[in-house]
Amino acid sequence: MSNAPLVKTPTAAHDAARTHVKFDPQPGAALAPRAPFQATEAPQMAAQGLWKRYFKGRVEIPVLRGVELEVRRGEFVSIIGQSGSGKSTLLHLLCTLDVPDQGEIRFQGQRIDNVSARRRDQLRNKELGMIFQFYHLLPELTALENVLSPLLIAEGAWSYFRRRREHLERAKELLDRVGLSHRLKHRPRELSGGEMQRAAIARALVAGPEVLLADEPTGNLDTRTGEEILTILRSLNESQRLTVIMVTHDRAIAAQADRTVRLAQGQMEIA
């Protein structure tokens, strides 16, 4: 079995950390305070002067008004704000699901908001992992098949089936790490909310992304299950130096990150 990630990553040490980390979230475990993050590197991801508005009929609805944000490699940043403040809109811009009306988004020094649709697809498939409040698992696929789906999309059928054994081992390993080794063949309707979110995390990790973007990952879960999911995210961040950008409405959850920022009236504030 090869433990190497399926995409190229910056350093061998970074690769090894990603491959061998073992998650061990304990239900209801206390979440220890984090030490302040030391910003010693150039931003891995940056939003520069982002503006975004939507229209409802003829009515213009401004959402983001010149948002500025810098996130460095290995940082865990939470974004909070009232409902409708634009948190999810910002996350969708960062992961290239949408484009800003004005401003720039840079990832590892390269502008990504103006790239082709094909390049945006590649970014989301390989370099920007995403998890959502409502999981977005494909209902007709098992947990294992859902985790494998990004690899099939990325490689195409012929290449995927040539490496199928390697991919199966990778997906099973990830599901084991998030505590779902006993649910490989279960479909989403047979899983609890917490189990579906764990499967979604494994799916987001299968291609070895550089950044994990999480949109209200605990918002649809009870407190105990939400803490378990947060423990997994923190384990990823601490053990693999995986950058995590998380949107949440819960201040207690947000407080566990290295840094919290607030969206208010379409602009970013220090929380």
Foldseek 3Di string as FASTA:
>chain_A
DDQFFQDDDDDPVLRVLLRPFFFDFDFPDDQDADDADDPPDFFQKWWFQFWAWDDDDPDIGTQAGGATDGHHFLFEEEEAEDPSNCPVVVLCCQLQVDATPDTFMDGRRHTDRPDDPVVSLVCDLAAEFEAEQQLPFDQVAFLLVSLLVSVCVVPPDVVCVVCVVVLSVLLLVQCVRLPNNVRRRPGPVVDDSLSSLSSSVSSSPRNPHQEYEYEASCVNDDPRSSSSVLSVVVSCSVRSSRHYYYYHHDPVSSSRGSAYWYRDPNYIGGD
